[in-house]
Amino acid sequence: MLNKPRGYITTSKDENGRKTVIDLIPKINNQRVYPVGRLDANSTGLLL
């Protein structure tokens, strides 16, 4: 679970170079994780 800050988009990669929630997550044993569902950029809080 992540406590998502305001201003981050809920996607693994953004073609427009915007900050994504993946930028907040260190690589874990060289494995990738991705968001479950969405929170819009201006919303905060619990994201799996």
ModelCIF file with pLDDT and N, C-alpha, C, O atoms, coordinates in Angstrom:
data_MODEL
#
_entry.id   MODEL 
#
_entity.id                         1 
_entity.type                       polymer 
_entity.pdbx_number_of_molecules   1 
#
_entity_poly.entity_id                      1 
_entity_poly.type                           'polypeptide(L)' 
_entity_poly.nstd_linkage                   no 
_entity_poly.nstd_monomer                   no 
_entity_poly.pdbx_seq_one_letter_code       MLNKPRGYITTSKDENGRKTVIDLIPKINNQRVYPVGRLDANSTGLLL 
_entity_poly.pdbx_seq_one_letter_code_can   MLNKPRGYITTSKDENGRKTVIDLIPKINNQRVYPVGRLDANSTGLLL 
_entity_poly.pdbx_strand_id                 A 
#
loop_
_entity_poly_seq.entity_id 
_entity_poly_seq.num 
_entity_poly_seq.mon_id 
_entity_poly_seq.hetero 
1 1  MET n 
1 2  LEU n 
1 3  ASN n 
1 4  LYS n 
1 5  PRO n 
1 6  ARG n 
1 7  GLY n 
1 8  TYR n 
1 9  ILE n 
1 10 THR n 
1 11 THR n 
1 12 SER n 
1 13 LYS n 
1 14 ASP n 
1 15 GLU n 
1 16 ASN n 
1 17 GLY n 
1 18 ARG n 
1 19 LYS n 
1 20 THR n 
1 21 VAL n 
1 22 ILE n 
1 23 ASP n 
1 24 LEU n 
1 25 ILE n 
1 26 PRO n 
1 27 LYS n 
1 28 ILE n 
1 29 ASN n 
1 30 ASN n 
1 31 GLN n 
1 32 ARG n 
1 33 VAL n 
1 34 TYR n 
1 35 PRO n 
1 36 VAL n 
1 37 GLY n 
1 38 ARG n 
1 39 LEU n 
1 40 ASP n 
1 41 ALA n 
1 42 ASN n 
1 43 SER n 
1 44 THR n 
1 45 GLY n 
1 46 LEU n 
1 47 LEU n 
1 48 LEU n 
#
_struct_asym.id          A 
_struct_asym.entity_id   1 
#
loop_
_ma_qa_metric.id 
_ma_qa_metric.mode 
_ma_qa_metric.name 
_ma_qa_metric.software_group_id 
_ma_qa_metric.type 
1 global pLDDT . pLDDT 
2 local  pLDDT . pLDDT 
#
_ma_qa_metric_global.metric_id      1 
_ma_qa_metric_global.metric_value   85.04 
_ma_qa_metric_global.model_id       1 
_ma_qa_metric_global.ordinal_id     1 
#
loop_
_ma_qa_metric_local.label_asym_id 
_ma_qa_metric_local.label_comp_id 
_ma_qa_metric_local.label_seq_id 
_ma_qa_metric_local.metric_id 
_ma_qa_metric_local.metric_value 
_ma_qa_metric_local.model_id 
_ma_qa_metric_local.ordinal_id 
A MET 1  2 95.00 1 1  
A LEU 2  2 95.00 1 2  
A ASN 3  2 96.00 1 3  
A LYS 4  2 96.00 1 4  
A PRO 5  2 95.00 1 5  
A ARG 6  2 95.00 1 6  
A GLY 7  2 93.00 1 7  
A TYR 8  2 93.00 1 8  
A ILE 9  2 91.00 1 9  
A THR 10 2 87.00 1 10 
A THR 11 2 81.00 1 11 
A SER 12 2 74.00 1 12 
A LYS 13 2 73.00 1 13 
A ASP 14 2 72.00 1 14 
A GLU 15 2 75.00 1 15 
A ASN 16 2 78.00 1 16 
A GLY 17 2 79.00 1 17 
A ARG 18 2 85.00 1 18 
A LYS 19 2 88.00 1 19 
A THR 20 2 88.00 1 20 
A VAL 21 2 89.00 1 21 
A ILE 22 2 85.00 1 22 
A ASP 23 2 85.00 1 23 
A LEU 24 2 86.00 1 24 
A ILE 25 2 81.00 1 25 
A PRO 26 2 71.00 1 26 
A LYS 27 2 65.00 1 27 
A ILE 28 2 61.00 1 28 
A ASN 29 2 57.00 1 29 
A ASN 30 2 60.00 1 30 
A GLN 31 2 70.00 1 31 
A ARG 32 2 77.00 1 32 
A VAL 33 2 84.00 1 33 
A TYR 34 2 85.00 1 34 
A PRO 35 2 89.00 1 35 
A VAL 36 2 89.00 1 36 
A GLY 37 2 86.00 1 37 
A ARG 38 2 87.00 1 38 
A LEU 39 2 91.00 1 39 
A ASP 40 2 92.00 1 40 
A ALA 41 2 92.00 1 41 
A ASN 42 2 94.00 1 42 
A SER 43 2 96.00 1 43 
A THR 44 2 97.00 1 44 
A GLY 45 2 97.00 1 45 
A LEU 46 2 97.00 1 46 
A LEU 47 2 96.00 1 47 
A LEU 48 2 94.00 1 48 
#
loop_
_atom_site.group_PDB 
_atom_site.id 
_atom_site.type_symbol 
_atom_site.label_atom_id 
_atom_site.label_alt_id 
_atom_site.label_comp_id 
_atom_site.label_asym_id 
_atom_site.label_entity_id 
_atom_site.label_seq_id 
_atom_site.pdbx_PDB_ins_code 
_atom_site.Cartn_x 
_atom_site.Cartn_y 
_atom_site.Cartn_z 
_atom_site.occupancy 
_atom_site.B_iso_or_equiv 
_atom_site.pdbx_formal_charge 
_atom_site.auth_seq_id 
_atom_site.auth_comp_id 
_atom_site.auth_asym_id 
_atom_site.auth_atom_id 
_atom_site.pdbx_PDB_model_num 
ATOM 1   N N  . MET A 1 1  ? 0.850  -1.185 0.000   1.00 95.00 ? 1  MET A N  1 
ATOM 2   C CA . MET A 1 1  ? 0.000  0.000  0.000   1.00 95.00 ? 1  MET A CA 1 
ATOM 3   C C  . MET A 1 1  ? 0.883  1.232  0.000   1.00 95.00 ? 1  MET A C  1 
ATOM 4   O O  . MET A 1 1  ? 1.966  1.248  0.584   1.00 95.00 ? 1  MET A O  1 
ATOM 5   N N  . LEU A 1 2  ? 0.392  2.258  -0.668  1.00 95.00 ? 2  LEU A N  1 
ATOM 6   C CA . LEU A 1 2  ? 1.074  3.549  -0.777  1.00 95.00 ? 2  LEU A CA 1 
ATOM 7   C C  . LEU A 1 2  ? 0.131  4.630  -0.284  1.00 95.00 ? 2  LEU A C  1 
ATOM 8   O O  . LEU A 1 2  ? -1.071 4.579  -0.547  1.00 95.00 ? 2  LEU A O  1 
ATOM 9   N N  . ASN A 1 3  ? 0.670  5.607  0.429   1.00 96.00 ? 3  ASN A N  1 
ATOM 10  C CA . ASN A 1 3  ? -0.083 6.818  0.740   1.00 96.00 ? 3  ASN A CA 1 
ATOM 11  C C  . ASN A 1 3  ? 0.263  7.831  -0.348  1.00 96.00 ? 3  ASN A C  1 
ATOM 12  O O  . ASN A 1 3  ? 1.259  8.549  -0.258  1.00 96.00 ? 3  ASN A O  1 
ATOM 13  N N  . LYS A 1 4  ? -0.569 7.872  -1.361  1.00 96.00 ? 4  LYS A N  1 
ATOM 14  C CA . LYS A 1 4  ? -0.285 8.677  -2.551  1.00 96.00 ? 4  LYS A CA 1 
ATOM 15  C C  . LYS A 1 4  ? -0.353 10.174 -2.262  1.00 96.00 ? 4  LYS A C  1 
ATOM 16  O O  . LYS A 1 4  ? -1.337 10.658 -1.702  1.00 96.00 ? 4  LYS A O  1 
ATOM 17  N N  . PRO A 1 5  ? 0.692  10.905 -2.643  1.00 95.00 ? 5  PRO A N  1 
ATOM 18  C CA . PRO A 1 5  ? 0.647  12.363 -2.498  1.00 95.00 ? 5  PRO A CA 1 
ATOM 19  C C  . PRO A 1 5  ? -0.137 13.005 -3.649  1.00 95.00 ? 5  PRO A C  1 
ATOM 20  O O  . PRO A 1 5  ? -0.392 12.372 -4.674  1.00 95.00 ? 5  PRO A O  1 
ATOM 21  N N  . ARG A 1 6  ? -0.505 14.248 -3.461  1.00 95.00 ? 6  ARG A N  1 
ATOM 22  C CA . ARG A 1 6  ? -1.131 15.015 -4.529  1.00 95.00 ? 6  ARG A CA 1 
ATOM 23  C C  . ARG A 1 6  ? -0.113 15.250 -5.665  1.00 95.00 ? 6  ARG A C  1 
ATOM 24  O O  . ARG A 1 6  ? 1.080  15.416 -5.411  1.00 95.00 ? 6  ARG A O  1 
ATOM 25  N N  . GLY A 1 7  ? -0.588 15.260 -6.884  1.00 93.00 ? 7  GLY A N  1 
ATOM 26  C CA . GLY A 1 7  ? 0.261  15.611 -8.022  1.00 93.00 ? 7  GLY A CA 1 
ATOM 27  C C  . GLY A 1 7  ? 0.861  14.438 -8.766  1.00 93.00 ? 7  GLY A C  1 
ATOM 28  O O  . GLY A 1 7  ? 1.499  14.629 -9.802  1.00 93.00 ? 7  GLY A O  1 
ATOM 29  N N  . TYR A 1 8  ? 0.673  13.233 -8.267  1.00 93.00 ? 8  TYR A N  1 
ATOM 30  C CA . TYR A 1 8  ? 1.187  12.035 -8.940  1.00 93.00 ? 8  TYR A CA 1 
ATOM 31  C C  . TYR A 1 8  ? 0.038  11.317 -9.645  1.00 93.00 ? 8  TYR A C  1 
ATOM 32  O O  . TYR A 1 8  ? -1.052 11.171 -9.092  1.00 93.00 ? 8  TYR A O  1 
ATOM 33  N N  . ILE A 1 9  ? 0.301  10.874 -10.871 1.00 91.00 ? 9  ILE A N  1 
ATOM 34  C CA . ILE A 1 9  ? -0.742 10.159 -11.588 1.00 91.00 ? 9  ILE A CA 1 
ATOM 35  C C  . ILE A 1 9  ? -0.608 8.657  -11.345 1.00 91.00 ? 9  ILE A C  1 
ATOM 36  O O  . ILE A 1 9  ? 0.490  8.144  -11.129 1.00 91.00 ? 9  ILE A O  1 
ATOM 37  N N  . THR A 1 10 ? -1.743 7.965  -11.385 1.00 87.00 ? 10 THR A N  1 
ATOM 38  C CA . THR A 1 10 ? -1.765 6.548  -11.046 1.00 87.00 ? 10 THR A CA 1 
ATOM 39  C C  . THR A 1 10 ? -1.597 5.711  -12.312 1.00 87.00 ? 10 THR A C  1 
ATOM 40  O O  . THR A 1 10 ? -2.566 5.213  -12.885 1.00 87.00 ? 10 THR A O  1 
ATOM 41  N N  . THR A 1 11 ? -0.365 5.576  -12.721 1.00 81.00 ? 11 THR A N  1 
ATOM 42  C CA . THR A 1 11 ? -0.026 4.750  -13.867 1.00 81.00 ? 11 THR A CA 1 
ATOM 43  C C  . THR A 1 11 ? 1.420  4.326  -13.722 1.00 81.00 ? 11 THR A C  1 
ATOM 44  O O  . THR A 1 11 ? 2.152  4.869  -12.894 1.00 81.00 ? 11 THR A O  1 
ATOM 45  N N  . SER A 1 12 ? 1.833  3.366  -14.518 1.00 74.00 ? 12 SER A N  1 
ATOM 46  C CA . SER A 1 12 ? 3.215  2.901  -14.433 1.00 74.00 ? 12 SER A CA 1 
ATOM 47  C C  . SER A 1 12 ? 4.166  3.798  -15.211 1.00 74.00 ? 12 SER A C  1 
ATOM 48  O O  . SER A 1 12 ? 5.343  3.911  -14.870 1.00 74.00 ? 12 SER A O  1 
ATOM 49  N N  . LYS A 1 13 ? 3.648  4.436  -16.263 1.00 73.00 ? 13 LYS A N  1 
ATOM 50  C CA . LYS A 1 13 ? 4.495  5.251  -17.126 1.00 73.00 ? 13 LYS A CA 1 
ATOM 51  C C  . LYS A 1 13 ? 3.636  6.317  -17.778 1.00 73.00 ? 13 LYS A C  1 
ATOM 52  O O  . LYS A 1 13 ? 2.481  6.062  -18.120 1.00 73.00 ? 13 LYS A O  1 
ATOM 53  N N  . ASP A 1 14 ? 4.196  7.521  -17.954 1.00 72.00 ? 14 ASP A N  1 
ATOM 54  C CA . ASP A 1 14 ? 3.441  8.597  -18.577 1.00 72.00 ? 14 ASP A CA 1 
ATOM 55  C C  . ASP A 1 14 ? 4.220  9.168  -19.752 1.00 72.00 ? 14 ASP A C  1 
ATOM 56  O O  . ASP A 1 14 ? 5.368  9.585  -19.600 1.00 72.00 ? 14 ASP A O  1 
ATOM 57  N N  . GLU A 1 15 ? 3.595  9.187  -20.924 1.00 75.00 ? 15 GLU A N  1 
ATOM 58  C CA . GLU A 1 15 ? 4.268  9.659  -22.134 1.00 75.00 ? 15 GLU A CA 1 
ATOM 59  C C  . GLU A 1 15 ? 4.571  11.156 -22.080 1.00 75.00 ? 15 GLU A C  1 
ATOM 60  O O  . GLU A 1 15 ? 5.439  11.643 -22.804 1.00 75.00 ? 15 GLU A O  1 
ATOM 61  N N  . ASN A 1 16 ? 3.849  11.888 -21.215 1.00 78.00 ? 16 ASN A N  1 
ATOM 62  C CA . ASN A 1 16 ? 4.053  13.336 -21.119 1.00 78.00 ? 16 ASN A CA 1 
ATOM 63  C C  . ASN A 1 16 ? 5.061  13.720 -20.041 1.00 78.00 ? 16 ASN A C  1 
ATOM 64  O O  . ASN A 1 16 ? 5.269  14.902 -19.768 1.00 78.00 ? 16 ASN A O  1 
ATOM 65  N N  . GLY A 1 17 ? 5.686  12.712 -19.432 1.00 79.00 ? 17 GLY A N  1 
ATOM 66  C CA . GLY A 1 17 ? 6.734  12.994 -18.455 1.00 79.00 ? 17 GLY A CA 1 
ATOM 67  C C  . GLY A 1 17 ? 6.241  13.444 -17.091 1.00 79.00 ? 17 GLY A C  1 
ATOM 68  O O  . GLY A 1 17 ? 7.020  13.953 -16.285 1.00 79.00 ? 17 GLY A O  1 
ATOM 69  N N  . ARG A 1 18 ? 4.942  13.259 -16.824 1.00 85.00 ? 18 ARG A N  1 
ATOM 70  C CA . ARG A 1 18 ? 4.427  13.644 -15.511 1.00 85.00 ? 18 ARG A CA 1 
ATOM 71  C C  . ARG A 1 18 ? 4.864  12.644 -14.443 1.00 85.00 ? 18 ARG A C  1 
ATOM 72  O O  . ARG A 1 18 ? 5.196  11.499 -14.750 1.00 85.00 ? 18 ARG A O  1 
ATOM 73  N N  . LYS A 1 19 ? 4.859  13.085 -13.195 1.00 88.00 ? 19 LYS A N  1 
ATOM 74  C CA . LYS A 1 19 ? 5.245  12.207 -12.089 1.00 88.00 ? 19 LYS A CA 1 
ATOM 75  C C  . LYS A 1 19 ? 4.200  11.113 -11.914 1.00 88.00 ? 19 LYS A C  1 
ATOM 76  O O  . LYS A 1 19 ? 2.999  11.384 -11.914 1.00 88.00 ? 19 LYS A O  1 
ATOM 77  N N  . THR A 1 20 ? 4.666  9.870  -11.764 1.00 88.00 ? 20 THR A N  1 
ATOM 78  C CA . THR A 1 20 ? 3.756  8.761  -11.535 1.00 88.00 ? 20 THR A CA 1 
ATOM 79  C C  . THR A 1 20 ? 4.032  8.147  -10.169 1.00 88.00 ? 20 THR A C  1 
ATOM 80  O O  . THR A 1 20 ? 5.081  8.378  -9.567  1.00 88.00 ? 20 THR A O  1 
ATOM 81  N N  . VAL A 1 21 ? 3.067  7.358  -9.692  1.00 89.00 ? 21 VAL A N  1 
ATOM 82  C CA . VAL A 1 21 ? 3.240  6.733  -8.380  1.00 89.00 ? 21 VAL A CA 1 
ATOM 83  C C  . VAL A 1 21 ? 4.423  5.767  -8.363  1.00 89.00 ? 21 VAL A C  1 
ATOM 84  O O  . VAL A 1 21 ? 4.993  5.503  -7.305  1.00 89.00 ? 21 VAL A O  1 
ATOM 85  N N  . ILE A 1 22 ? 4.791  5.242  -9.521  1.00 85.00 ? 22 ILE A N  1 
ATOM 86  C CA . ILE A 1 22 ? 5.927  4.325  -9.592  1.00 85.00 ? 22 ILE A CA 1 
ATOM 87  C C  . ILE A 1 22 ? 7.227  5.045  -9.247  1.00 85.00 ? 22 ILE A C  1 
ATOM 88  O O  . ILE A 1 22 ? 8.177  4.417  -8.779  1.00 85.00 ? 22 ILE A O  1 
ATOM 89  N N  . ASP A 1 23 ? 7.275  6.359  -9.475  1.00 85.00 ? 23 ASP A N  1 
ATOM 90  C CA . ASP A 1 23 ? 8.469  7.139  -9.111  1.00 85.00 ? 23 ASP A CA 1 
ATOM 91  C C  . ASP A 1 23 ? 8.726  7.114  -7.609  1.00 85.00 ? 23 ASP A C  1 
ATOM 92  O O  . ASP A 1 23 ? 9.842  7.384  -7.167  1.00 85.00 ? 23 ASP A O  1 
ATOM 93  N N  . LEU A 1 24 ? 7.709  6.795  -6.830  1.00 86.00 ? 24 LEU A N  1 
ATOM 94  C CA . LEU A 1 24 ? 7.834  6.794  -5.368  1.00 86.00 ? 24 LEU A CA 1 
ATOM 95  C C  . LEU A 1 24 ? 8.277  5.451  -4.817  1.00 86.00 ? 24 LEU A C  1 
ATOM 96  O O  . LEU A 1 24 ? 8.545  5.319  -3.623  1.00 86.00 ? 24 LEU A O  1 
ATOM 97  N N  . ILE A 1 25 ? 8.353  4.449  -5.692  1.00 81.00 ? 25 ILE A N  1 
ATOM 98  C CA . ILE A 1 25 ? 8.545  3.080  -5.218  1.00 81.00 ? 25 ILE A CA 1 
ATOM 99  C C  . ILE A 1 25 ? 9.921  2.553  -5.613  1.00 81.00 ? 25 ILE A C  1 
ATOM 100 O O  . ILE A 1 25 ? 10.241 2.499  -6.801  1.00 81.00 ? 25 ILE A O  1 
ATOM 101 N N  . PRO A 1 26 ? 10.725 2.170  -4.652  1.00 71.00 ? 26 PRO A N  1 
ATOM 102 C CA . PRO A 1 26 ? 12.017 1.567  -4.991  1.00 71.00 ? 26 PRO A CA 1 
ATOM 103 C C  . PRO A 1 26 ? 11.811 0.196  -5.615  1.00 71.00 ? 26 PRO A C  1 
ATOM 104 O O  . PRO A 1 26 ? 10.824 -0.478 -5.322  1.00 71.00 ? 26 PRO A O  1 
ATOM 105 N N  . LYS A 1 27 ? 12.735 -0.220 -6.472  1.00 65.00 ? 27 LYS A N  1 
ATOM 106 C CA . LYS A 1 27 ? 12.645 -1.562 -7.047  1.00 65.00 ? 27 LYS A CA 1 
ATOM 107 C C  . LYS A 1 27 ? 12.823 -2.585 -5.930  1.00 65.00 ? 27 LYS A C  1 
ATOM 108 O O  . LYS A 1 27 ? 13.728 -2.483 -5.103  1.00 65.00 ? 27 LYS A O  1 
ATOM 109 N N  . ILE A 1 28 ? 11.940 -3.562 -5.934  1.00 61.00 ? 28 ILE A N  1 
ATOM 110 C CA . ILE A 1 28 ? 11.918 -4.564 -4.868  1.00 61.00 ? 28 ILE A CA 1 
ATOM 111 C C  . ILE A 1 28 ? 12.421 -5.876 -5.452  1.00 61.00 ? 28 ILE A C  1 
ATOM 112 O O  . ILE A 1 28 ? 11.719 -6.539 -6.217  1.00 61.00 ? 28 ILE A O  1 
ATOM 113 N N  . ASN A 1 29 ? 13.648 -6.242 -5.082  1.00 57.00 ? 29 ASN A N  1 
ATOM 114 C CA . ASN A 1 29 ? 14.253 -7.468 -5.623  1.00 57.00 ? 29 ASN A CA 1 
ATOM 115 C C  . ASN A 1 29 ? 14.200 -7.486 -7.146  1.00 57.00 ? 29 ASN A C  1 
ATOM 116 O O  . ASN A 1 29 ? 13.978 -8.531 -7.758  1.00 57.00 ? 29 ASN A O  1 
ATOM 117 N N  . ASN A 1 30 ? 14.411 -6.296 -7.763  1.00 60.00 ? 30 ASN A N  1 
ATOM 118 C CA . ASN A 1 30 ? 14.381 -6.156 -9.216  1.00 60.00 ? 30 ASN A CA 1 
ATOM 119 C C  . ASN A 1 30 ? 13.037 -6.547 -9.826  1.00 60.00 ? 30 ASN A C  1 
ATOM 120 O O  . ASN A 1 30 ? 12.969 -6.880 -11.009 1.00 60.00 ? 30 ASN A O  1 
ATOM 121 N N  . GLN A 1 31 ? 11.982 -6.510 -9.037  1.00 70.00 ? 31 GLN A N  1 
ATOM 122 C CA . GLN A 1 31 ? 10.655 -6.814 -9.540  1.00 70.00 ? 31 GLN A CA 1 
ATOM 123 C C  . GLN A 1 31 ? 9.802  -5.552 -9.548  1.00 70.00 ? 31 GLN A C  1 
ATOM 124 O O  . GLN A 1 31 ? 9.925  -4.694 -8.674  1.00 70.00 ? 31 GLN A O  1 
ATOM 125 N N  . ARG A 1 32 ? 8.936  -5.456 -10.551 1.00 77.00 ? 32 ARG A N  1 
ATOM 126 C CA . ARG A 1 32 ? 8.074  -4.293 -10.694 1.00 77.00 ? 32 ARG A CA 1 
ATOM 127 C C  . ARG A 1 32 ? 6.708  -4.569 -10.085 1.00 77.00 ? 32 ARG A C  1 
ATOM 128 O O  . ARG A 1 32 ? 6.199  -5.689 -10.129 1.00 77.00 ? 32 ARG A O  1 
ATOM 129 N N  . VAL A 1 33 ? 6.133  -3.524 -9.519  1.00 84.00 ? 33 VAL A N  1 
ATOM 130 C CA . VAL A 1 33 ? 4.746  -3.572 -9.107  1.00 84.00 ? 33 VAL A CA 1 
ATOM 131 C C  . VAL A 1 33 ? 4.001  -2.477 -9.865  1.00 84.00 ? 33 VAL A C  1 
ATOM 132 O O  . VAL A 1 33 ? 4.621  -1.565 -10.412 1.00 84.00 ? 33 VAL A O  1 
ATOM 133 N N  . TYR A 1 34 ? 2.689  -2.567 -9.897  1.00 85.00 ? 34 TYR A N  1 
ATOM 134 C CA . TYR A 1 34 ? 1.888  -1.583 -10.620 1.00 85.00 ? 34 TYR A CA 1 
ATOM 135 C C  . TYR A 1 34 ? 0.628  -1.295 -9.818  1.00 85.00 ? 34 TYR A C  1 
ATOM 136 O O  . TYR A 1 34 ? 0.241  -2.085 -8.958  1.00 85.00 ? 34 TYR A O  1 
ATOM 137 N N  . PRO A 1 35 ? -0.022 -0.146 -10.103 1.00 89.00 ? 35 PRO A N  1 
ATOM 138 C CA . PRO A 1 35 ? -1.182 0.256  -9.293  1.00 89.00 ? 35 PRO A CA 1 
ATOM 139 C C  . PRO A 1 35 ? -2.398 -0.630 -9.544  1.00 89.00 ? 35 PRO A C  1 
ATOM 140 O O  . PRO A 1 35 ? -2.620 -1.124 -10.650 1.00 89.00 ? 35 PRO A O  1 
ATOM 141 N N  . VAL A 1 36 ? -3.178 -0.811 -8.479  1.00 89.00 ? 36 VAL A N  1 
ATOM 142 C CA . VAL A 1 36 ? -4.462 -1.501 -8.561  1.00 89.00 ? 36 VAL A CA 1 
ATOM 143 C C  . VAL A 1 36 ? -5.544 -0.429 -8.524  1.00 89.00 ? 36 VAL A C  1 
ATOM 144 O O  . VAL A 1 36 ? -5.748 0.198  -7.484  1.00 89.00 ? 36 VAL A O  1 
ATOM 145 N N  . GLY A 1 37 ? -6.231 -0.210 -9.621  1.00 86.00 ? 37 GLY A N  1 
ATOM 146 C CA . GLY A 1 37 ? -7.219 0.863  -9.672  1.00 86.00 ? 37 GLY A CA 1 
ATOM 147 C C  . GLY A 1 37 ? -6.535 2.218  -9.802  1.00 86.00 ? 37 GLY A C  1 
ATOM 148 O O  . GLY A 1 37 ? -5.360 2.312  -10.158 1.00 86.00 ? 37 GLY A O  1 
ATOM 149 N N  . ARG A 1 38 ? -7.303 3.269  -9.503  1.00 87.00 ? 38 ARG A N  1 
ATOM 150 C CA . ARG A 1 38 ? -6.796 4.611  -9.733  1.00 87.00 ? 38 ARG A CA 1 
ATOM 151 C C  . ARG A 1 38 ? -7.185 5.578  -8.635  1.00 87.00 ? 38 ARG A C  1 
ATOM 152 O O  . ARG A 1 38 ? -8.191 5.406  -7.947  1.00 87.00 ? 38 ARG A O  1 
ATOM 153 N N  . LEU A 1 39 ? -6.357 6.602  -8.490  1.00 91.00 ? 39 LEU A N  1 
ATOM 154 C CA . LEU A 1 39 ? -6.696 7.836  -7.795  1.00 91.00 ? 39 LEU A CA 1 
ATOM 155 C C  . LEU A 1 39 ? -6.243 8.957  -8.719  1.00 91.00 ? 39 LEU A C  1 
ATOM 156 O O  . LEU A 1 39 ? -5.115 8.923  -9.211  1.00 91.00 ? 39 LEU A O  1 
ATOM 157 N N  . ASP A 1 40 ? -7.096 9.954  -8.968  1.00 92.00 ? 40 ASP A N  1 
ATOM 158 C CA . ASP A 1 40 ? -6.676 11.005 -9.894  1.00 92.00 ? 40 ASP A CA 1 
ATOM 159 C C  . ASP A 1 40 ? -5.544 11.829 -9.287  1.00 92.00 ? 40 ASP A C  1 
ATOM 160 O O  . ASP A 1 40 ? -5.264 11.744 -8.091  1.00 92.00 ? 40 ASP A O  1 
ATOM 161 N N  . ALA A 1 41 ? -4.905 12.623 -10.134 1.00 92.00 ? 41 ALA A N  1 
ATOM 162 C CA . ALA A 1 41 ? -3.676 13.326 -9.738  1.00 92.00 ? 41 ALA A CA 1 
ATOM 163 C C  . ALA A 1 41 ? -3.873 14.203 -8.510  1.00 92.00 ? 41 ALA A C  1 
ATOM 164 O O  . ALA A 1 41 ? -2.964 14.317 -7.687  1.00 92.00 ? 41 ALA A O  1 
ATOM 165 N N  . ASN A 1 42 ? -5.047 14.829 -8.367  1.00 94.00 ? 42 ASN A N  1 
ATOM 166 C CA . ASN A 1 42 ? -5.277 15.747 -7.255  1.00 94.00 ? 42 ASN A CA 1 
ATOM 167 C C  . ASN A 1 42 ? -5.808 15.065 -6.002  1.00 94.00 ? 42 ASN A C  1 
ATOM 168 O O  . ASN A 1 42 ? -6.032 15.721 -4.985  1.00 94.00 ? 42 ASN A O  1 
ATOM 169 N N  . SER A 1 43 ? -6.012 13.743 -6.068  1.00 96.00 ? 43 SER A N  1 
ATOM 170 C CA . SER A 1 43 ? -6.482 12.998 -4.904  1.00 96.00 ? 43 SER A CA 1 
ATOM 171 C C  . SER A 1 43 ? -5.309 12.335 -4.193  1.00 96.00 ? 43 SER A C  1 
ATOM 172 O O  . SER A 1 43 ? -4.261 12.096 -4.794  1.00 96.00 ? 43 SER A O  1 
ATOM 173 N N  . THR A 1 44 ? -5.493 12.043 -2.918  1.00 97.00 ? 44 THR A N  1 
ATOM 174 C CA . THR A 1 44 ? -4.424 11.466 -2.109  1.00 97.00 ? 44 THR A CA 1 
ATOM 175 C C  . THR A 1 44 ? -4.937 10.212 -1.408  1.00 97.00 ? 44 THR A C  1 
ATOM 176 O O  . THR A 1 44 ? -6.121 9.882  -1.462  1.00 97.00 ? 44 THR A O  1 
ATOM 177 N N  . GLY A 1 45 ? -4.001 9.524  -0.748  1.00 97.00 ? 45 GLY A N  1 
ATOM 178 C CA . GLY A 1 45 ? -4.410 8.437  0.121   1.00 97.00 ? 45 GLY A CA 1 
ATOM 179 C C  . GLY A 1 45 ? -4.074 7.048  -0.366  1.00 97.00 ? 45 GLY A C  1 
ATOM 180 O O  . GLY A 1 45 ? -3.129 6.849  -1.131  1.00 97.00 ? 45 GLY A O  1 
ATOM 181 N N  . LEU A 1 46 ? -4.864 6.087  0.090   1.00 97.00 ? 46 LEU A N  1 
ATOM 182 C CA . LEU A 1 46 ? -4.562 4.669  -0.037  1.00 97.00 ? 46 LEU A CA 1 
ATOM 183 C C  . LEU A 1 46 ? -4.628 4.181  -1.480  1.00 97.00 ? 46 LEU A C  1 
ATOM 184 O O  . LEU A 1 46 ? -5.652 4.308  -2.152  1.00 97.00 ? 46 LEU A O  1 
ATOM 185 N N  . LEU A 1 47 ? -3.518 3.621  -1.938  1.00 96.00 ? 47 LEU A N  1 
ATOM 186 C CA . LEU A 1 47 ? -3.444 2.998  -3.253  1.00 96.00 ? 47 LEU A CA 1 
ATOM 187 C C  . LEU A 1 47 ? -2.717 1.675  -3.086  1.00 96.00 ? 47 LEU A C  1 
ATOM 188 O O  . LEU A 1 47 ? -1.664 1.615  -2.451  1.00 96.00 ? 47 LEU A O  1 
ATOM 189 N N  . LEU A 1 48 ? -3.276 0.618  -3.653  1.00 94.00 ? 48 LEU A N  1 
ATOM 190 C CA . LEU A 1 48 ? -2.641 -0.692 -3.603  1.00 94.00 ? 48 LEU A CA 1 
ATOM 191 C C  . LEU A 1 48 ? -1.757 -0.886 -4.828  1.00 94.00 ? 48 LEU A C  1 
ATOM 192 O O  . LEU A 1 48 ? -1.129 -1.934 -4.976  1.00 94.00 ? 48 LEU A O  1 
#
